[in-house]
Amino acid sequence: MGGMIGVVLGVFGATRLAASFGWPMLIRPDVILISVGFSALVGIGFGLYPARKASQLDPIDALRYE
């Protein structure tokens, strides 16, 4: 979701800047797909490790630990 929000904000900001300065603008879908895919992989990778580690803990010991 964060990757998609970033793409929307980036395209919106780039369109506004290009229009205000009179620059030509090219939006490449392949670059957008690669960036969203990378964002998704990073999110899944950094979310999966702590979730897997937490799933292997005993719930009573996990609640008792500070």
PDB file of N, CA and C in Angstrom:
ATOM      1  N   MET A   1       0.820  -1.187   0.000  1.00  0.00           N
ATOM      2  CA  MET A   1       0.000   0.000   0.000  1.00  0.00           C
ATOM      3  C   MET A   1       0.873   1.263   0.000  1.00  0.00           C
ATOM      4  N   GLY A   2       1.938   1.226   0.761  1.00  0.00           N
ATOM      5  CA  GLY A   2       2.840   2.373   0.801  1.00  0.00           C
ATOM      6  C   GLY A   2       3.486   2.637  -0.552  1.00  0.00           C
ATOM      7  N   GLY A   3       3.815   1.569  -1.271  1.00  0.00           N
ATOM      8  CA  GLY A   3       4.387   1.732  -2.607  1.00  0.00           C
ATOM      9  C   GLY A   3       3.413   2.392  -3.565  1.00  0.00           C
ATOM     10  N   MET A   4       2.160   1.991  -3.477  1.00  0.00           N
ATOM     11  CA  MET A   4       1.144   2.578  -4.355  1.00  0.00           C
ATOM     12  C   MET A   4       0.912   4.061  -4.022  1.00  0.00           C
ATOM     13  N   ILE A   5       0.877   4.372  -2.733  1.00  0.00           N
ATOM     14  CA  ILE A   5       0.715   5.772  -2.324  1.00  0.00           C
ATOM     15  C   ILE A   5       1.901   6.595  -2.805  1.00  0.00           C
ATOM     16  N   GLY A   6       3.093   6.033  -2.706  1.00  0.00           N
ATOM     17  CA  GLY A   6       4.287   6.718  -3.185  1.00  0.00           C
ATOM     18  C   GLY A   6       4.255   6.965  -4.682  1.00  0.00           C
ATOM     19  N   VAL A   7       3.763   5.996  -5.437  1.00  0.00           N
ATOM     20  CA  VAL A   7       3.663   6.168  -6.887  1.00  0.00           C
ATOM     21  C   VAL A   7       2.675   7.284  -7.227  1.00  0.00           C
ATOM     22  N   VAL A   8       1.516   7.263  -6.570  1.00  0.00           N
ATOM     23  CA  VAL A   8       0.507   8.290  -6.847  1.00  0.00           C
ATOM     24  C   VAL A   8       1.035   9.679  -6.503  1.00  0.00           C
ATOM     25  N   LEU A   9       1.644   9.821  -5.329  1.00  0.00           N
ATOM     26  CA  LEU A   9       2.195  11.123  -4.941  1.00  0.00           C
ATOM     27  C   LEU A   9       3.343  11.550  -5.855  1.00  0.00           C
ATOM     28  N   GLY A  10       4.172  10.612  -6.251  1.00  0.00           N
ATOM     29  CA  GLY A  10       5.295  10.927  -7.128  1.00  0.00           C
ATOM     30  C   GLY A  10       4.843  11.367  -8.508  1.00  0.00           C
ATOM     31  N   VAL A  11       3.877  10.652  -9.069  1.00  0.00           N
ATOM     32  CA  VAL A  11       3.369  11.034 -10.392  1.00  0.00           C
ATOM     33  C   VAL A  11       2.661  12.387 -10.313  1.00  0.00           C
ATOM     34  N   PHE A  12       1.887  12.598  -9.254  1.00  0.00           N
ATOM     35  CA  PHE A  12       1.199  13.872  -9.088  1.00  0.00           C
ATOM     36  C   PHE A  12       2.196  15.027  -8.966  1.00  0.00           C
ATOM     37  N   GLY A  13       3.203  14.856  -8.119  1.00  0.00           N
ATOM     38  CA  GLY A  13       4.210  15.904  -7.937  1.00  0.00           C
ATOM     39  C   GLY A  13       5.016  16.150  -9.199  1.00  0.00           C
ATOM     40  N   ALA A  14       5.383  15.092  -9.904  1.00  0.00           N
ATOM     41  CA  ALA A  14       6.156  15.251 -11.136  1.00  0.00           C
ATOM     42  C   ALA A  14       5.325  15.932 -12.215  1.00  0.00           C
ATOM     43  N   THR A  15       4.045  15.605 -12.285  1.00  0.00           N
ATOM     44  CA  THR A  15       3.172  16.245 -13.268  1.00  0.00           C
ATOM     45  C   THR A  15       3.042  17.732 -12.992  1.00  0.00           C
ATOM     46  N   ARG A  16       2.883  18.078 -11.735  1.00  0.00           N
ATOM     47  CA  ARG A  16       2.769  19.505 -11.363  1.00  0.00           C
ATOM     48  C   ARG A  16       4.059  20.261 -11.680  1.00  0.00           C
ATOM     49  N   LEU A  17       5.205  19.676 -11.328  1.00  0.00           N
ATOM     50  CA  LEU A  17       6.482  20.336 -11.619  1.00  0.00           C
ATOM     51  C   LEU A  17       6.709  20.484 -13.117  1.00  0.00           C
ATOM     52  N   ALA A  18       6.431  19.415 -13.871  1.00  0.00           N
ATOM     53  CA  ALA A  18       6.635  19.471 -15.321  1.00  0.00           C
ATOM     54  C   ALA A  18       5.727  20.516 -15.956  1.00  0.00           C
ATOM     55  N   ALA A  19       4.494  20.609 -15.467  1.00  0.00           N
ATOM     56  CA  ALA A  19       3.571  21.595 -16.023  1.00  0.00           C
ATOM     57  C   ALA A  19       3.998  23.022 -15.675  1.00  0.00           C
ATOM     58  N   SER A  20       4.490  23.223 -14.469  1.00  0.00           N
ATOM     59  CA  SER A  20       4.850  24.580 -14.060  1.00  0.00           C
ATOM     60  C   SER A  20       6.117  25.090 -14.762  1.00  0.00           C
ATOM     61  N   PHE A  21       7.045  24.192 -15.102  1.00  0.00           N
ATOM     62  CA  PHE A  21       8.280  24.607 -15.767  1.00  0.00           C
ATOM     63  C   PHE A  21       8.255  24.368 -17.272  1.00  0.00           C
ATOM     64  N   GLY A  22       7.184  23.759 -17.779  1.00  0.00           N
ATOM     65  CA  GLY A  22       7.087  23.501 -19.212  1.00  0.00           C
ATOM     66  C   GLY A  22       7.969  22.368 -19.695  1.00  0.00           C
ATOM     67  N   TRP A  23       8.301  21.441 -18.823  1.00  0.00           N
ATOM     68  CA  TRP A  23       9.145  20.302 -19.194  1.00  0.00           C
ATOM     69  C   TRP A  23       8.287  19.177 -19.756  1.00  0.00           C
ATOM     70  N   PRO A  24       8.825  18.426 -20.696  1.00  0.00           N
ATOM     71  CA  PRO A  24       8.104  17.225 -21.145  1.00  0.00           C
ATOM     72  C   PRO A  24       8.206  16.142 -20.074  1.00  0.00           C
ATOM     73  N   MET A  25       7.210  15.288 -20.017  1.00  0.00           N
ATOM     74  CA  MET A  25       7.218  14.249 -18.976  1.00  0.00           C
ATOM     75  C   MET A  25       6.854  12.903 -19.590  1.00  0.00           C
ATOM     76  N   LEU A  26       7.556  11.877 -19.162  1.00  0.00           N
ATOM     77  CA  LEU A  26       7.314  10.517 -19.623  1.00  0.00           C
ATOM     78  C   LEU A  26       7.124   9.632 -18.400  1.00  0.00           C
ATOM     79  N   ILE A  27       5.995   8.963 -18.332  1.00  0.00           N
ATOM     80  CA  ILE A  27       5.738   8.020 -17.232  1.00  0.00           C
ATOM     81  C   ILE A  27       5.944   6.618 -17.788  1.00  0.00           C
ATOM     82  N   ARG A  28       6.910   5.900 -17.195  1.00  0.00           N
ATOM     83  CA  ARG A  28       7.221   4.547 -17.658  1.00  0.00           C
ATOM     84  C   ARG A  28       6.595   3.528 -16.713  1.00  0.00           C
ATOM     85  N   PRO A  29       5.609   2.766 -17.207  1.00  0.00           N
ATOM     86  CA  PRO A  29       4.940   1.767 -16.355  1.00  0.00           C
ATOM     87  C   PRO A  29       5.876   0.677 -15.846  1.00  0.00           C
ATOM     88  N   ASP A  30       6.904   0.316 -16.631  1.00  0.00           N
ATOM     89  CA  ASP A  30       7.816  -0.733 -16.184  1.00  0.00           C
ATOM     90  C   ASP A  30       8.595  -0.308 -14.941  1.00  0.00           C
ATOM     91  N   VAL A  31       8.992   0.947 -14.891  1.00  0.00           N
ATOM     92  CA  VAL A  31       9.715   1.446 -13.717  1.00  0.00           C
ATOM     93  C   VAL A  31       8.782   1.491 -12.508  1.00  0.00           C
ATOM     94  N   ILE A  32       7.540   1.868 -12.722  1.00  0.00           N
ATOM     95  CA  ILE A  32       6.561   1.900 -11.635  1.00  0.00           C
ATOM     96  C   ILE A  32       6.329   0.488 -11.094  1.00  0.00           C
ATOM     97  N   LEU A  33       6.174  -0.484 -11.982  1.00  0.00           N
ATOM     98  CA  LEU A  33       5.961  -1.872 -11.534  1.00  0.00           C
ATOM     99  C   LEU A  33       7.164  -2.411 -10.758  1.00  0.00           C
ATOM    100  N   ILE A  34       8.360  -2.103 -11.227  1.00  0.00           N
ATOM    101  CA  ILE A  34       9.570  -2.560 -10.528  1.00  0.00           C
ATOM    102  C   ILE A  34       9.652  -1.936  -9.139  1.00  0.00           C
ATOM    103  N   SER A  35       9.355  -0.645  -9.038  1.00  0.00           N
ATOM    104  CA  SER A  35       9.454   0.024  -7.738  1.00  0.00           C
ATOM    105  C   SER A  35       8.397  -0.479  -6.766  1.00  0.00           C
ATOM    106  N   VAL A  36       7.175  -0.701  -7.238  1.00  0.00           N
ATOM    107  CA  VAL A  36       6.130  -1.228  -6.361  1.00  0.00           C
ATOM    108  C   VAL A  36       6.450  -2.665  -5.963  1.00  0.00           C
ATOM    109  N   GLY A  37       6.968  -3.452  -6.893  1.00  0.00           N
ATOM    110  CA  GLY A  37       7.360  -4.827  -6.576  1.00  0.00           C
ATOM    111  C   GLY A  37       8.469  -4.876  -5.535  1.00  0.00           C
ATOM    112  N   PHE A  38       9.457  -4.005  -5.681  1.00  0.00           N
ATOM    113  CA  PHE A  38      10.549  -3.954  -4.707  1.00  0.00           C
ATOM    114  C   PHE A  38      10.027  -3.520  -3.340  1.00  0.00           C
ATOM    115  N   SER A  39       9.139  -2.543  -3.335  1.00  0.00           N
ATOM    116  CA  SER A  39       8.542  -2.073  -2.084  1.00  0.00           C
ATOM    117  C   SER A  39       7.774  -3.208  -1.398  1.00  0.00           C
ATOM    118  N   ALA A  40       7.034  -3.975  -2.177  1.00  0.00           N
ATOM    119  CA  ALA A  40       6.283  -5.102  -1.615  1.00  0.00           C
ATOM    120  C   ALA A  40       7.219  -6.175  -1.061  1.00  0.00           C
ATOM    121  N   LEU A  41       8.292  -6.466  -1.779  1.00  0.00           N
ATOM    122  CA  LEU A  41       9.247  -7.477  -1.302  1.00  0.00           C
ATOM    123  C   LEU A  41       9.923  -7.043  -0.005  1.00  0.00           C
ATOM    124  N   VAL A  42      10.289  -5.789   0.087  1.00  0.00           N
ATOM    125  CA  VAL A  42      10.906  -5.289   1.317  1.00  0.00           C
ATOM    126  C   VAL A  42       9.923  -5.365   2.476  1.00  0.00           C
ATOM    127  N   GLY A  43       8.679  -4.961   2.243  1.00  0.00           N
ATOM    128  CA  GLY A  43       7.662  -5.022   3.294  1.00  0.00           C
ATOM    129  C   GLY A  43       7.380  -6.429   3.761  1.00  0.00           C
ATOM    130  N   ILE A  44       7.287  -7.348   2.819  1.00  0.00           N
ATOM    131  CA  ILE A  44       7.034  -8.750   3.174  1.00  0.00           C
ATOM    132  C   ILE A  44       8.240  -9.336   3.898  1.00  0.00           C
ATOM    133  N   GLY A  45       9.430  -9.054   3.377  1.00  0.00           N
ATOM    134  CA  GLY A  45      10.648  -9.600   3.988  1.00  0.00           C
ATOM    135  C   GLY A  45      10.863  -9.124   5.409  1.00  0.00           C
ATOM    136  N   PHE A  46      10.706  -7.828   5.652  1.00  0.00           N
ATOM    137  CA  PHE A  46      10.938  -7.293   6.985  1.00  0.00           C
ATOM    138  C   PHE A  46       9.751  -7.503   7.910  1.00  0.00           C
ATOM    139  N   GLY A  47       8.621  -7.933   7.385  1.00  0.00           N
ATOM    140  CA  GLY A  47       7.483  -8.270   8.233  1.00  0.00           C
ATOM    141  C   GLY A  47       7.436  -9.744   8.570  1.00  0.00           C
ATOM    142  N   LEU A  48       7.929 -10.572   7.661  1.00  0.00           N
ATOM    143  CA  LEU A  48       7.865 -12.014   7.848  1.00  0.00           C
ATOM    144  C   LEU A  48       8.832 -12.505   8.921  1.00  0.00           C
ATOM    145  N   TYR A  49      10.032 -11.944   8.952  1.00  0.00           N
ATOM    146  CA  TYR A  49      11.032 -12.409   9.933  1.00  0.00           C
ATOM    147  C   TYR A  49      10.564 -12.214  11.376  1.00  0.00           C
ATOM    148  N   PRO A  50      10.129 -11.022  11.785  1.00  0.00           N
ATOM    149  CA  PRO A  50       9.686 -10.880  13.179  1.00  0.00           C
ATOM    150  C   PRO A  50       8.421 -11.680  13.474  1.00  0.00           C
ATOM    151  N   ALA A  51       7.547 -11.825  12.489  1.00  0.00           N
ATOM    152  CA  ALA A  51       6.324 -12.595  12.709  1.00  0.00           C
ATOM    153  C   ALA A  51       6.653 -14.067  12.913  1.00  0.00           C
ATOM    154  N   ARG A  52       7.586 -14.583  12.129  1.00  0.00           N
ATOM    155  CA  ARG A  52       7.985 -15.997  12.291  1.00  0.00           C
ATOM    156  C   ARG A  52       8.669 -16.209  13.646  1.00  0.00           C
ATOM    157  N   LYS A  53       9.516 -15.269  14.020  1.00  0.00           N
ATOM    158  CA  LYS A  53      10.208 -15.381  15.309  1.00  0.00           C
ATOM    159  C   LYS A  53       9.209 -15.321  16.467  1.00  0.00           C
ATOM    160  N   ALA A  54       8.226 -14.440  16.376  1.00  0.00           N
ATOM    161  CA  ALA A  54       7.214 -14.319  17.433  1.00  0.00           C
ATOM    162  C   ALA A  54       6.315 -15.542  17.480  1.00  0.00           C
ATOM    163  N   SER A  55       6.066 -16.168  16.337  1.00  0.00           N
ATOM    164  CA  SER A  55       5.179 -17.336  16.325  1.00  0.00           C
ATOM    165  C   SER A  55       5.818 -18.547  16.992  1.00  0.00           C
ATOM    166  N   GLN A  56       7.121 -18.550  17.127  1.00  0.00           N
ATOM    167  CA  GLN A  56       7.817 -19.678  17.746  1.00  0.00           C
ATOM    168  C   GLN A  56       7.968 -19.519  19.254  1.00  0.00           C
ATOM    169  N   LEU A  57       7.538 -18.394  19.823  1.00  0.00           N
ATOM    170  CA  LEU A  57       7.634 -18.162  21.262  1.00  0.00           C
ATOM    171  C   LEU A  57       6.430 -18.746  21.989  1.00  0.00           C
ATOM    172  N   ASP A  58       6.647 -19.136  23.218  1.00  0.00           N
ATOM    173  CA  ASP A  58       5.545 -19.547  24.083  1.00  0.00           C
ATOM    174  C   ASP A  58       4.794 -18.277  24.506  1.00  0.00           C
ATOM    175  N   PRO A  59       3.467 -18.225  24.348  1.00  0.00           N
ATOM    176  CA  PRO A  59       2.733 -17.005  24.653  1.00  0.00           C
ATOM    177  C   PRO A  59       2.917 -16.506  26.093  1.00  0.00           C
ATOM    178  N   ILE A  60       2.977 -17.404  27.038  1.00  0.00           N
ATOM    179  CA  ILE A  60       3.139 -16.998  28.455  1.00  0.00           C
ATOM    180  C   ILE A  60       4.514 -16.352  28.658  1.00  0.00           C
ATOM    181  N   ASP A  61       5.557 -16.956  28.105  1.00  0.00           N
ATOM    182  CA  ASP A  61       6.895 -16.389  28.242  1.00  0.00           C
ATOM    183  C   ASP A  61       7.024 -15.055  27.482  1.00  0.00           C
ATOM    184  N   ALA A  62       6.362 -14.948  26.349  1.00  0.00           N
ATOM    185  CA  ALA A  62       6.440 -13.708  25.561  1.00  0.00           C
ATOM    186  C   ALA A  62       5.760 -12.563  26.308  1.00  0.00           C
ATOM    187  N   LEU A  63       4.675 -12.838  26.985  1.00  0.00           N
ATOM    188  CA  LEU A  63       3.978 -11.788  27.744  1.00  0.00           C
ATOM    189  C   LEU A  63       4.740 -11.424  29.016  1.00  0.00           C
ATOM    190  N   ARG A  64       5.450 -12.367  29.574  1.00  0.00           N
ATOM    191  CA  ARG A  64       6.175 -12.126  30.808  1.00  0.00           C
ATOM    192  C   ARG A  64       7.465 -11.341  30.563  1.00  0.00           C
ATOM    193  N   TYR A  65       8.049 -11.456  29.382  1.00  0.00           N
ATOM    194  CA  TYR A  65       9.315 -10.797  29.053  1.00  0.00           C
ATOM    195  C   TYR A  65       9.089  -9.314  28.794  1.00  0.00           C
ATOM    196  N   GLU A  66       9.974  -8.452  29.332  1.00  0.00           N
ATOM    197  CA  GLU A  66       9.860  -7.004  29.096  1.00  0.00           C
ATOM    198  C   GLU A  66      11.109  -6.497  28.442  1.00  0.00           C
TER     199      GLU A  66
END
